[in-house]
Amino acid sequence: MNTFESTYERELRNGINIYEPYIIVEESNDRVLLTVSRARKFLFVFAFRFIPLFLLCMIPVLFYFYDGGIPISFIIAVAVCALITALLLFFKKVIHQVMVIDTVVETVFVKGFKKGTQQLLLQDASHIYLQVVYGKGGGAIYSLCMKDGNQHEFLVVPYLNMKKARIQMLSVRLKEITGLPMQGNFLADDYMNVEKS
């Protein structure tokens, strides 16, 4: 008899989704497949497509309405800052789907004009790193630390969804699936017992 209780079944029983804001597509003992909701995808389109386009459209408007009252160097500095901000937002890697298996972590992401897939083998990883960041734009960020020193972000729980019990259960679940130790920054101690780094 299979004694595994899926997260979906626990959610129904307890009313908690430990993967929130992600939606569970599939889950078993050694596997979980998560995707972002339609509302979150819309938010990504707004933040990483519409805002950069708006900033780029505002650059010619700055020069068109220039009347000489403000130094031209200030207008050029604002235009350069708007261009850099637009490019950084547009080319930010945005993860839409995460699959964690006992052998690999696979992410589906959009970066600029391309959609891609990244597979990270767990045999090449040393540990999972939990970084907790407070404030606007903060959250709980899970990264896979590779033996070669590279660090790959694969799961982000926004600040609004960052409940202590949820992060603790999510961390335990990731450790169960991957078999990797969990480490974190000093703020992560508030959320779970992890090794300080």
N, C-alpha and C. Protein backbone atom coordinates (compact mmCIF):
# COMPACT_ATOMS: atom_id res chain seq x y z
N MET A 1 0.83 -1.18 0.00
CA MET A 1 0.00 0.00 0.00
C MET A 1 0.88 1.25 0.00
N ASN A 2 0.57 2.21 -0.87
CA ASN A 2 1.34 3.43 -0.98
C ASN A 2 0.90 4.40 0.11
N THR A 3 1.83 4.80 0.96
CA THR A 3 1.49 5.70 2.07
C THR A 3 1.80 7.15 1.72
N PHE A 4 2.28 7.41 0.50
CA PHE A 4 2.62 8.78 0.11
C PHE A 4 1.35 9.62 0.01
N GLU A 5 1.37 10.76 0.67
CA GLU A 5 0.26 11.69 0.58
C GLU A 5 0.75 12.90 -0.21
N SER A 6 0.14 13.16 -1.36
CA SER A 6 0.60 14.26 -2.19
C SER A 6 0.34 15.58 -1.50
N THR A 7 1.06 16.61 -1.95
CA THR A 7 0.86 17.94 -1.40
C THR A 7 -0.57 18.40 -1.66
N TYR A 8 -1.10 18.03 -2.82
CA TYR A 8 -2.49 18.41 -3.13
C TYR A 8 -3.45 17.82 -2.10
N GLU A 9 -3.24 16.56 -1.71
CA GLU A 9 -4.09 15.93 -0.70
C GLU A 9 -3.91 16.61 0.66
N ARG A 10 -2.65 16.98 1.00
CA ARG A 10 -2.40 17.71 2.26
C ARG A 10 -3.07 19.08 2.22
N GLU A 11 -3.02 19.73 1.04
CA GLU A 11 -3.67 21.04 0.90
C GLU A 11 -5.15 20.93 1.18
N LEU A 12 -5.78 19.89 0.60
CA LEU A 12 -7.21 19.72 0.82
C LEU A 12 -7.50 19.49 2.30
N ARG A 13 -6.63 18.73 2.96
CA ARG A 13 -6.83 18.42 4.37
C ARG A 13 -6.51 19.61 5.27
N ASN A 14 -5.40 20.30 4.99
CA ASN A 14 -4.94 21.38 5.85
C ASN A 14 -5.25 22.78 5.33
N GLY A 15 -5.59 22.89 4.07
CA GLY A 15 -5.86 24.20 3.49
C GLY A 15 -4.61 25.02 3.23
N ILE A 16 -3.44 24.39 3.05
CA ILE A 16 -2.18 25.10 2.82
C ILE A 16 -1.55 24.59 1.52
N ASN A 17 -1.11 25.51 0.68
CA ASN A 17 -0.33 25.17 -0.50
C ASN A 17 1.10 25.61 -0.23
N ILE A 18 2.00 24.67 0.05
CA ILE A 18 3.38 25.04 0.39
C ILE A 18 4.13 25.59 -0.82
N TYR A 19 3.64 25.33 -2.04
CA TYR A 19 4.31 25.80 -3.24
C TYR A 19 3.78 27.15 -3.73
N GLU A 20 2.83 27.75 -3.00
CA GLU A 20 2.21 28.98 -3.44
C GLU A 20 3.26 30.04 -3.71
N PRO A 21 3.24 30.78 -4.80
CA PRO A 21 2.18 31.01 -5.76
C PRO A 21 2.19 30.05 -6.95
N TYR A 22 2.98 29.01 -6.89
CA TYR A 22 3.03 28.04 -7.98
C TYR A 22 1.82 27.10 -7.91
N ILE A 23 1.45 26.57 -9.06
CA ILE A 23 0.37 25.60 -9.17
C ILE A 23 0.99 24.22 -9.36
N ILE A 24 0.51 23.24 -8.61
CA ILE A 24 1.03 21.88 -8.71
C ILE A 24 0.42 21.20 -9.93
N VAL A 25 1.27 20.78 -10.86
CA VAL A 25 0.81 20.05 -12.03
C VAL A 25 0.86 18.55 -11.75
N GLU A 26 1.95 18.14 -11.11
CA GLU A 26 2.14 16.71 -10.82
C GLU A 26 3.04 16.58 -9.59
N GLU A 27 2.76 15.58 -8.76
CA GLU A 27 3.60 15.33 -7.60
C GLU A 27 3.58 13.86 -7.23
N SER A 28 4.75 13.36 -6.86
CA SER A 28 4.87 11.99 -6.36
C SER A 28 5.99 11.99 -5.32
N ASN A 29 6.40 10.79 -4.86
CA ASN A 29 7.47 10.68 -3.85
C ASN A 29 8.75 11.38 -4.26
N ASP A 30 9.15 11.19 -5.51
CA ASP A 30 10.45 11.68 -5.96
C ASP A 30 10.36 12.72 -7.07
N ARG A 31 9.22 13.42 -7.16
CA ARG A 31 9.04 14.35 -8.27
C ARG A 31 7.97 15.37 -7.95
N VAL A 32 8.20 16.61 -8.38
CA VAL A 32 7.16 17.65 -8.31
C VAL A 32 7.33 18.55 -9.54
N LEU A 33 6.20 18.84 -10.18
CA LEU A 33 6.17 19.72 -11.35
C LEU A 33 5.28 20.90 -11.01
N LEU A 34 5.85 22.10 -11.07
CA LEU A 34 5.14 23.33 -10.71
C LEU A 34 5.13 24.29 -11.89
N THR A 35 4.05 25.06 -11.99
CA THR A 35 3.96 26.09 -13.02
C THR A 35 3.36 27.34 -12.40
N VAL A 36 3.56 28.49 -13.05
CA VAL A 36 2.99 29.73 -12.53
C VAL A 36 1.57 29.89 -13.05
N SER A 37 0.75 30.62 -12.31
CA SER A 37 -0.65 30.83 -12.70
C SER A 37 -0.75 31.81 -13.86
N ARG A 38 -1.92 31.88 -14.47
CA ARG A 38 -2.15 32.83 -15.57
C ARG A 38 -1.99 34.27 -15.09
N ALA A 39 -2.48 34.53 -13.89
CA ALA A 39 -2.38 35.89 -13.35
C ALA A 39 -0.91 36.28 -13.17
N ARG A 40 -0.09 35.34 -12.72
CA ARG A 40 1.33 35.63 -12.53
C ARG A 40 2.03 35.79 -13.87
N LYS A 41 1.63 35.00 -14.88
CA LYS A 41 2.20 35.18 -16.22
C LYS A 41 1.86 36.56 -16.77
N PHE A 42 0.61 37.02 -16.52
CA PHE A 42 0.21 38.36 -16.94
C PHE A 42 1.08 39.41 -16.25
N LEU A 43 1.34 39.21 -14.96
CA LEU A 43 2.20 40.13 -14.21
C LEU A 43 3.61 40.16 -14.81
N PHE A 44 4.13 38.99 -15.20
CA PHE A 44 5.45 38.93 -15.83
C PHE A 44 5.46 39.69 -17.15
N VAL A 45 4.40 39.53 -17.95
CA VAL A 45 4.32 40.24 -19.23
C VAL A 45 4.29 41.74 -18.98
N PHE A 46 3.50 42.18 -18.01
CA PHE A 46 3.43 43.60 -17.70
C PHE A 46 4.78 44.14 -17.24
N ALA A 47 5.40 43.46 -16.26
CA ALA A 47 6.63 43.96 -15.66
C ALA A 47 7.84 43.84 -16.58
N PHE A 48 7.92 42.77 -17.37
CA PHE A 48 9.14 42.52 -18.14
C PHE A 48 8.98 42.70 -19.65
N ARG A 49 7.79 43.12 -20.10
CA ARG A 49 7.59 43.43 -21.52
C ARG A 49 6.98 44.83 -21.70
N PHE A 50 5.87 45.10 -21.00
CA PHE A 50 5.17 46.38 -21.18
C PHE A 50 5.98 47.55 -20.62
N ILE A 51 6.48 47.43 -19.42
CA ILE A 51 7.24 48.54 -18.80
C ILE A 51 8.51 48.86 -19.60
N PRO A 52 9.30 47.86 -20.04
CA PRO A 52 10.46 48.22 -20.88
C PRO A 52 10.05 48.91 -22.19
N LEU A 53 8.96 48.45 -22.80
CA LEU A 53 8.49 49.09 -24.03
C LEU A 53 8.07 50.54 -23.76
N PHE A 54 7.37 50.75 -22.66
CA PHE A 54 6.96 52.10 -22.27
C PHE A 54 8.17 53.00 -22.05
N LEU A 55 9.19 52.48 -21.35
CA LEU A 55 10.40 53.28 -21.11
C LEU A 55 11.11 53.64 -22.41
N LEU A 56 11.16 52.68 -23.34
CA LEU A 56 11.80 52.95 -24.63
C LEU A 56 11.01 53.99 -25.42
N CYS A 57 9.69 53.96 -25.33
CA CYS A 57 8.86 54.95 -26.04
C CYS A 57 8.99 56.34 -25.42
N MET A 58 9.32 56.42 -24.17
CA MET A 58 9.44 57.71 -23.50
C MET A 58 10.74 58.44 -23.84
N ILE A 59 11.74 57.71 -24.32
CA ILE A 59 13.02 58.35 -24.64
C ILE A 59 12.86 59.40 -25.74
N PRO A 60 12.22 59.07 -26.89
CA PRO A 60 12.05 60.11 -27.92
C PRO A 60 11.15 61.27 -27.44
N VAL A 61 10.19 60.95 -26.57
CA VAL A 61 9.30 62.00 -26.05
C VAL A 61 10.10 63.01 -25.23
N LEU A 62 11.09 62.54 -24.48
CA LEU A 62 11.95 63.45 -23.71
C LEU A 62 12.62 64.48 -24.62
N PHE A 63 13.15 64.01 -25.74
CA PHE A 63 13.85 64.91 -26.64
C PHE A 63 12.89 65.77 -27.45
N TYR A 64 11.73 65.25 -27.76
CA TYR A 64 10.74 66.00 -28.56
C TYR A 64 10.23 67.22 -27.79
N PHE A 65 9.99 67.06 -26.48
CA PHE A 65 9.47 68.15 -25.68
C PHE A 65 10.56 68.96 -24.98
N TYR A 66 11.78 68.73 -25.37
CA TYR A 66 12.89 69.49 -24.78
C TYR A 66 12.78 70.95 -25.21
N ASP A 67 12.78 71.88 -24.22
CA ASP A 67 12.62 73.30 -24.55
C ASP A 67 13.81 74.15 -24.11
N GLY A 68 14.85 73.53 -23.60
CA GLY A 68 16.05 74.26 -23.21
C GLY A 68 16.06 74.70 -21.76
N GLY A 69 14.95 74.49 -21.03
CA GLY A 69 14.89 74.90 -19.63
C GLY A 69 15.71 74.00 -18.72
N ILE A 70 15.91 72.77 -19.14
CA ILE A 70 16.69 71.79 -18.37
C ILE A 70 17.96 71.50 -19.17
N PRO A 71 19.08 71.38 -18.50
CA PRO A 71 20.32 71.08 -19.24
C PRO A 71 20.19 69.79 -20.07
N ILE A 72 20.70 69.82 -21.26
CA ILE A 72 20.61 68.66 -22.17
C ILE A 72 21.33 67.45 -21.59
N SER A 73 22.37 67.68 -20.79
CA SER A 73 23.09 66.56 -20.18
C SER A 73 22.18 65.78 -19.23
N PHE A 74 21.27 66.49 -18.52
CA PHE A 74 20.31 65.82 -17.64
C PHE A 74 19.33 64.97 -18.45
N ILE A 75 18.85 65.49 -19.56
CA ILE A 75 17.92 64.76 -20.43
C ILE A 75 18.61 63.51 -20.98
N ILE A 76 19.87 63.65 -21.39
CA ILE A 76 20.62 62.50 -21.91
C ILE A 76 20.83 61.46 -20.81
N ALA A 77 21.15 61.90 -19.60
CA ALA A 77 21.35 60.96 -18.48
C ALA A 77 20.06 60.20 -18.17
N VAL A 78 18.92 60.90 -18.17
CA VAL A 78 17.63 60.24 -17.94
C VAL A 78 17.34 59.24 -19.06
N ALA A 79 17.62 59.61 -20.30
CA ALA A 79 17.39 58.71 -21.44
C ALA A 79 18.27 57.46 -21.34
N VAL A 80 19.53 57.62 -20.95
CA VAL A 80 20.44 56.48 -20.82
C VAL A 80 19.98 55.57 -19.68
N CYS A 81 19.57 56.15 -18.55
CA CYS A 81 19.06 55.35 -17.43
C CYS A 81 17.80 54.58 -17.83
N ALA A 82 16.90 55.23 -18.59
CA ALA A 82 15.68 54.56 -19.06
C ALA A 82 16.03 53.42 -20.00
N LEU A 83 16.99 53.62 -20.88
CA LEU A 83 17.41 52.57 -21.81
C LEU A 83 18.02 51.38 -21.07
N ILE A 84 18.91 51.64 -20.13
CA ILE A 84 19.54 50.56 -19.37
C ILE A 84 18.51 49.80 -18.55
N THR A 85 17.59 50.51 -17.90
CA THR A 85 16.53 49.86 -17.11
C THR A 85 15.66 48.99 -17.99
N ALA A 86 15.27 49.51 -19.15
CA ALA A 86 14.43 48.75 -20.09
C ALA A 86 15.13 47.47 -20.55
N LEU A 87 16.39 47.57 -20.88
CA LEU A 87 17.14 46.38 -21.34
C LEU A 87 17.31 45.36 -20.22
N LEU A 88 17.61 45.83 -19.00
CA LEU A 88 17.76 44.90 -17.87
C LEU A 88 16.45 44.18 -17.57
N LEU A 89 15.34 44.90 -17.60
CA LEU A 89 14.04 44.27 -17.35
C LEU A 89 13.69 43.28 -18.46
N PHE A 90 13.93 43.69 -19.71
CA PHE A 90 13.53 42.84 -20.84
C PHE A 90 14.34 41.54 -20.89
N PHE A 91 15.63 41.62 -20.56
CA PHE A 91 16.48 40.44 -20.65
C PHE A 91 16.65 39.71 -19.32
N LYS A 92 15.79 39.98 -18.34
CA LYS A 92 15.81 39.24 -17.07
C LYS A 92 15.25 37.84 -17.31
N LYS A 93 15.87 36.87 -16.71
CA LYS A 93 15.41 35.48 -16.82
C LYS A 93 14.20 35.28 -15.91
N VAL A 94 13.06 34.92 -16.51
CA VAL A 94 11.81 34.73 -15.76
C VAL A 94 11.41 33.25 -15.87
N ILE A 95 11.35 32.56 -14.73
CA ILE A 95 11.05 31.13 -14.71
C ILE A 95 9.54 30.92 -14.68
N HIS A 96 9.04 30.10 -15.63
CA HIS A 96 7.61 29.83 -15.75
C HIS A 96 7.23 28.44 -15.23
N GLN A 97 8.18 27.51 -15.23
CA GLN A 97 7.87 26.14 -14.82
C GLN A 97 9.10 25.52 -14.18
N VAL A 98 8.88 24.74 -13.12
CA VAL A 98 9.97 24.08 -12.40
C VAL A 98 9.61 22.62 -12.21
N MET A 99 10.55 21.73 -12.52
CA MET A 99 10.37 20.31 -12.24
C MET A 99 11.57 19.86 -11.40
N VAL A 100 11.26 19.32 -10.23
CA VAL A 100 12.31 18.81 -9.34
C VAL A 100 12.12 17.31 -9.24
N ILE A 101 13.16 16.56 -9.66
CA ILE A 101 13.16 15.10 -9.60
C ILE A 101 14.35 14.71 -8.73
N ASP A 102 14.43 13.46 -8.34
CA ASP A 102 15.55 13.03 -7.49
C ASP A 102 16.89 13.04 -8.22
N THR A 103 16.91 13.28 -9.54
CA THR A 103 18.16 13.31 -10.28
C THR A 103 18.45 14.64 -10.97
N VAL A 104 17.41 15.48 -11.16
CA VAL A 104 17.59 16.71 -11.94
C VAL A 104 16.59 17.78 -11.49
N VAL A 105 17.00 19.03 -11.66
CA VAL A 105 16.10 20.18 -11.52
C VAL A 105 16.03 20.81 -12.91
N GLU A 106 14.81 20.91 -13.43
CA GLU A 106 14.62 21.45 -14.78
C GLU A 106 13.73 22.68 -14.70
N THR A 107 14.16 23.77 -15.33
CA THR A 107 13.36 24.99 -15.36
C THR A 107 13.07 25.38 -16.80
N VAL A 108 11.85 25.90 -17.02
CA VAL A 108 11.47 26.47 -18.31
C VAL A 108 11.39 27.97 -18.06
N PHE A 109 12.11 28.74 -18.87
CA PHE A 109 12.21 30.18 -18.62
C PHE A 109 12.08 30.97 -19.91
N VAL A 110 11.83 32.26 -19.75
CA VAL A 110 11.82 33.21 -20.87
C VAL A 110 12.86 34.27 -20.54
N LYS A 111 13.72 34.53 -21.53
CA LYS A 111 14.75 35.56 -21.36
C LYS A 111 14.87 36.30 -22.69
N GLY A 112 14.46 37.54 -22.68
CA GLY A 112 14.47 38.31 -23.92
C GLY A 112 13.46 37.76 -24.90
N PHE A 113 13.93 37.41 -26.10
CA PHE A 113 13.05 36.88 -27.14
C PHE A 113 12.99 35.36 -27.16
N LYS A 114 13.79 34.70 -26.31
CA LYS A 114 13.84 33.25 -26.41
C LYS A 114 13.25 32.56 -25.19
N LYS A 115 12.65 31.42 -25.43
CA LYS A 115 12.16 30.56 -24.37
C LYS A 115 13.12 29.38 -24.31
N GLY A 116 13.54 29.04 -23.11
CA GLY A 116 14.53 27.98 -22.99
C GLY A 116 14.26 27.05 -21.83
N THR A 117 15.04 25.98 -21.81
CA THR A 117 14.96 24.99 -20.75
C THR A 117 16.36 24.80 -20.19
N GLN A 118 16.46 24.71 -18.88
CA GLN A 118 17.74 24.47 -18.24
C GLN A 118 17.63 23.25 -17.35
N GLN A 119 18.51 22.28 -17.56
CA GLN A 119 18.54 21.08 -16.73
C GLN A 119 19.81 21.08 -15.89
N LEU A 120 19.62 20.93 -14.59
CA LEU A 120 20.74 20.91 -13.67
C LEU A 120 20.77 19.54 -12.99
N LEU A 121 21.83 18.78 -13.24
CA LEU A 121 21.96 17.45 -12.66
C LEU A 121 22.32 17.57 -11.18
N LEU A 122 21.61 16.83 -10.35
CA LEU A 122 21.86 16.90 -8.90
C LEU A 122 23.18 16.26 -8.51
N GLN A 123 23.72 15.38 -9.34
CA GLN A 123 25.02 14.79 -9.03
C GLN A 123 26.13 15.83 -9.12
N ASP A 124 25.87 16.94 -9.85
CA ASP A 124 26.85 18.03 -9.97
C ASP A 124 26.61 19.13 -8.94
N ALA A 125 25.61 18.97 -8.08
CA ALA A 125 25.26 20.01 -7.10
C ALA A 125 25.81 19.65 -5.73
N SER A 126 26.16 20.68 -4.95
CA SER A 126 26.67 20.45 -3.60
C SER A 126 25.58 20.65 -2.55
N HIS A 127 24.70 21.66 -2.75
CA HIS A 127 23.64 21.93 -1.79
C HIS A 127 22.60 22.88 -2.40
N ILE A 128 21.50 23.04 -1.67
CA ILE A 128 20.48 24.03 -2.03
C ILE A 128 20.67 25.21 -1.09
N TYR A 129 20.65 26.41 -1.63
CA TYR A 129 20.86 27.62 -0.83
C TYR A 129 19.56 28.41 -0.77
N LEU A 130 19.10 28.71 0.44
CA LEU A 130 17.90 29.51 0.65
C LEU A 130 18.32 30.90 1.06
N GLN A 131 17.94 31.88 0.24
CA GLN A 131 18.22 33.27 0.55
C GLN A 131 16.90 33.96 0.86
N VAL A 132 16.79 34.53 2.04
CA VAL A 132 15.59 35.25 2.45
C VAL A 132 15.88 36.73 2.37
N VAL A 133 15.03 37.45 1.62
CA VAL A 133 15.18 38.89 1.44
C VAL A 133 13.88 39.55 1.86
N TYR A 134 13.96 40.50 2.77
CA TYR A 134 12.77 41.21 3.23
C TYR A 134 12.54 42.46 2.39
N GLY A 135 11.33 42.97 2.45
CA GLY A 135 11.00 44.24 1.80
C GLY A 135 10.45 44.05 0.40
N LYS A 136 10.20 45.19 -0.24
CA LYS A 136 9.64 45.18 -1.59
C LYS A 136 10.59 44.47 -2.55
N GLY A 137 10.08 43.54 -3.32
CA GLY A 137 10.92 42.77 -4.23
C GLY A 137 11.64 41.63 -3.56
N GLY A 138 11.38 41.41 -2.29
CA GLY A 138 12.05 40.34 -1.56
C GLY A 138 11.30 39.03 -1.68
N GLY A 139 11.72 38.06 -0.89
CA GLY A 139 11.10 36.75 -0.89
C GLY A 139 12.08 35.69 -0.45
N ALA A 140 11.66 34.46 -0.64
CA ALA A 140 12.52 33.31 -0.36
C ALA A 140 13.00 32.76 -1.71
N ILE A 141 14.29 32.76 -1.91
CA ILE A 141 14.87 32.37 -3.20
C ILE A 141 15.69 31.11 -3.00
N TYR A 142 15.29 30.05 -3.71
CA TYR A 142 16.00 28.77 -3.65
C TYR A 142 16.93 28.68 -4.85
N SER A 143 18.19 28.42 -4.58
CA SER A 143 19.19 28.28 -5.64
C SER A 143 19.91 26.95 -5.47
N LEU A 144 20.28 26.37 -6.60
CA LEU A 144 21.06 25.14 -6.60
C LEU A 144 22.52 25.52 -6.76
N CYS A 145 23.34 25.19 -5.78
CA CYS A 145 24.77 25.51 -5.80
C CYS A 145 25.52 24.31 -6.36
N MET A 146 26.22 24.54 -7.45
CA MET A 146 26.94 23.47 -8.13
C MET A 146 28.34 23.33 -7.53
N LYS A 147 28.94 22.18 -7.75
CA LYS A 147 30.28 21.90 -7.22
C LYS A 147 31.35 22.79 -7.86
N ASP A 148 31.07 23.30 -9.09
CA ASP A 148 32.03 24.18 -9.76
C ASP A 148 31.92 25.63 -9.30
N GLY A 149 31.01 25.91 -8.33
CA GLY A 149 30.89 27.26 -7.78
C GLY A 149 29.75 28.08 -8.34
N ASN A 150 29.14 27.62 -9.43
CA ASN A 150 28.00 28.35 -9.99
C ASN A 150 26.76 28.17 -9.13
N GLN A 151 25.88 29.16 -9.17
CA GLN A 151 24.64 29.12 -8.41
C GLN A 151 23.50 29.42 -9.37
N HIS A 152 22.46 28.55 -9.40
CA HIS A 152 21.34 28.69 -10.32
C HIS A 152 20.03 28.80 -9.54
N GLU A 153 19.37 29.93 -9.67
CA GLU A 153 18.08 30.17 -9.03
C GLU A 153 17.02 29.31 -9.73
N PHE A 154 16.20 28.60 -8.94
CA PHE A 154 15.18 27.76 -9.58
C PHE A 154 13.79 27.93 -8.99
N LEU A 155 13.67 28.51 -7.82
CA LEU A 155 12.35 28.66 -7.21
C LEU A 155 12.34 29.95 -6.40
N VAL A 156 11.34 30.80 -6.65
CA VAL A 156 11.22 32.07 -5.94
C VAL A 156 9.83 32.18 -5.34
N VAL A 157 9.79 32.35 -4.04
CA VAL A 157 8.52 32.57 -3.33
C VAL A 157 8.48 34.05 -2.99
N PRO A 158 7.55 34.82 -3.57
CA PRO A 158 7.50 36.25 -3.31
C PRO A 158 7.23 36.57 -1.84
N TYR A 159 7.57 37.78 -1.45
CA TYR A 159 7.45 38.21 -0.06
C TYR A 159 6.02 38.05 0.47
N LEU A 160 5.03 38.32 -0.36
CA LEU A 160 3.63 38.22 0.08
C LEU A 160 3.23 36.78 0.41
N ASN A 161 3.88 35.79 -0.19
CA ASN A 161 3.58 34.39 0.05
C ASN A 161 4.56 33.74 1.03
N MET A 162 5.42 34.52 1.63
CA MET A 162 6.51 34.00 2.45
C MET A 162 6.05 33.81 3.89
N LYS A 163 5.33 32.75 4.14
CA LYS A 163 4.90 32.41 5.50
C LYS A 163 5.90 31.42 6.08
N LYS A 164 6.20 31.57 7.36
CA LYS A 164 7.23 30.75 8.00
C LYS A 164 6.96 29.25 7.86
N ALA A 165 5.75 28.80 8.18
CA ALA A 165 5.42 27.38 8.12
C ALA A 165 5.51 26.86 6.68
N ARG A 166 5.08 27.66 5.73
CA ARG A 166 5.11 27.26 4.32
C ARG A 166 6.55 27.09 3.82
N ILE A 167 7.42 28.03 4.18
CA ILE A 167 8.83 27.95 3.76
C ILE A 167 9.52 26.76 4.42
N GLN A 168 9.20 26.50 5.69
CA GLN A 168 9.77 25.33 6.37
C GLN A 168 9.35 24.04 5.67
N MET A 169 8.04 23.90 5.36
CA MET A 169 7.56 22.68 4.70
C MET A 169 8.14 22.55 3.29
N LEU A 170 8.26 23.66 2.58
CA LEU A 170 8.83 23.63 1.23
C LEU A 170 10.30 23.22 1.28
N SER A 171 11.03 23.73 2.24
CA SER A 171 12.46 23.37 2.38
C SER A 171 12.62 21.89 2.70
N VAL A 172 11.80 21.39 3.60
CA VAL A 172 11.85 19.96 3.94
C VAL A 172 11.50 19.12 2.72
N ARG A 173 10.50 19.54 1.96
CA ARG A 173 10.08 18.78 0.77
C ARG A 173 11.18 18.76 -0.29
N LEU A 174 11.85 19.88 -0.50
CA LEU A 174 12.95 19.92 -1.47
C LEU A 174 14.11 19.04 -1.03
N LYS A 175 14.39 19.04 0.29
CA LYS A 175 15.45 18.16 0.80
C LYS A 175 15.07 16.69 0.62
N GLU A 176 13.79 16.35 0.83
CA GLU A 176 13.32 14.96 0.63
C GLU A 176 13.51 14.51 -0.81
N ILE A 177 13.13 15.35 -1.75
CA ILE A 177 13.19 14.96 -3.16
C ILE A 177 14.62 14.87 -3.65
N THR A 178 15.42 15.91 -3.37
CA THR A 178 16.77 15.98 -3.94
C THR A 178 17.81 15.22 -3.13
N GLY A 179 17.61 15.11 -1.83
CA GLY A 179 18.61 14.49 -0.97
C GLY A 179 19.80 15.39 -0.71
N LEU A 180 19.69 16.67 -1.06
CA LEU A 180 20.79 17.62 -0.87
C LEU A 180 20.62 18.38 0.43
N PRO A 181 21.74 18.75 1.07
CA PRO A 181 21.63 19.57 2.28
C PRO A 181 21.16 20.98 1.94
N MET A 182 20.58 21.65 2.92
CA MET A 182 20.07 23.00 2.75
C MET A 182 20.92 23.96 3.56
N GLN A 183 21.34 25.05 2.93
CA GLN A 183 22.06 26.11 3.62
C GLN A 183 21.31 27.41 3.36
N GLY A 184 21.67 28.47 4.10
CA GLY A 184 20.98 29.73 3.88
C GLY A 184 21.71 30.91 4.47
N ASN A 185 21.20 32.11 4.13
CA ASN A 185 21.76 33.32 4.70
C ASN A 185 21.25 33.48 6.13
N PHE A 186 21.77 34.45 6.85
CA PHE A 186 21.43 34.57 8.27
C PHE A 186 19.94 34.84 8.50
N LEU A 187 19.23 35.42 7.53
CA LEU A 187 17.81 35.66 7.68
C LEU A 187 17.00 34.36 7.54
N ALA A 188 17.57 33.36 6.90
CA ALA A 188 16.87 32.10 6.69
C ALA A 188 16.66 31.34 7.99
N ASP A 189 17.46 31.64 9.01
CA ASP A 189 17.30 30.98 10.31
C ASP A 189 15.93 31.22 10.91
N ASP A 190 15.32 32.37 10.59
CA ASP A 190 13.97 32.65 11.07
C ASP A 190 12.95 31.70 10.46
N TYR A 191 13.28 31.12 9.34
CA TYR A 191 12.33 30.30 8.60
C TYR A 191 12.57 28.81 8.75
N MET A 192 13.78 28.43 9.09
CA MET A 192 14.08 27.01 9.24
C MET A 192 15.44 26.86 9.89
N ASN A 193 15.74 25.67 10.34
CA ASN A 193 17.08 25.41 10.88
C ASN A 193 17.97 24.98 9.76
N VAL A 194 18.78 25.92 9.28
CA VAL A 194 19.73 25.62 8.21
C VAL A 194 21.13 25.96 8.71
N GLU A 195 22.10 25.43 7.99
CA GLU A 195 23.49 25.74 8.33
C GLU A 195 23.77 27.17 7.89
N LYS A 196 24.45 27.93 8.72
CA LYS A 196 24.82 29.29 8.33
C LYS A 196 25.98 29.22 7.37
N SER A 197 26.00 30.17 6.41
CA SER A 197 27.11 30.19 5.47
C SER A 197 27.81 31.52 5.52
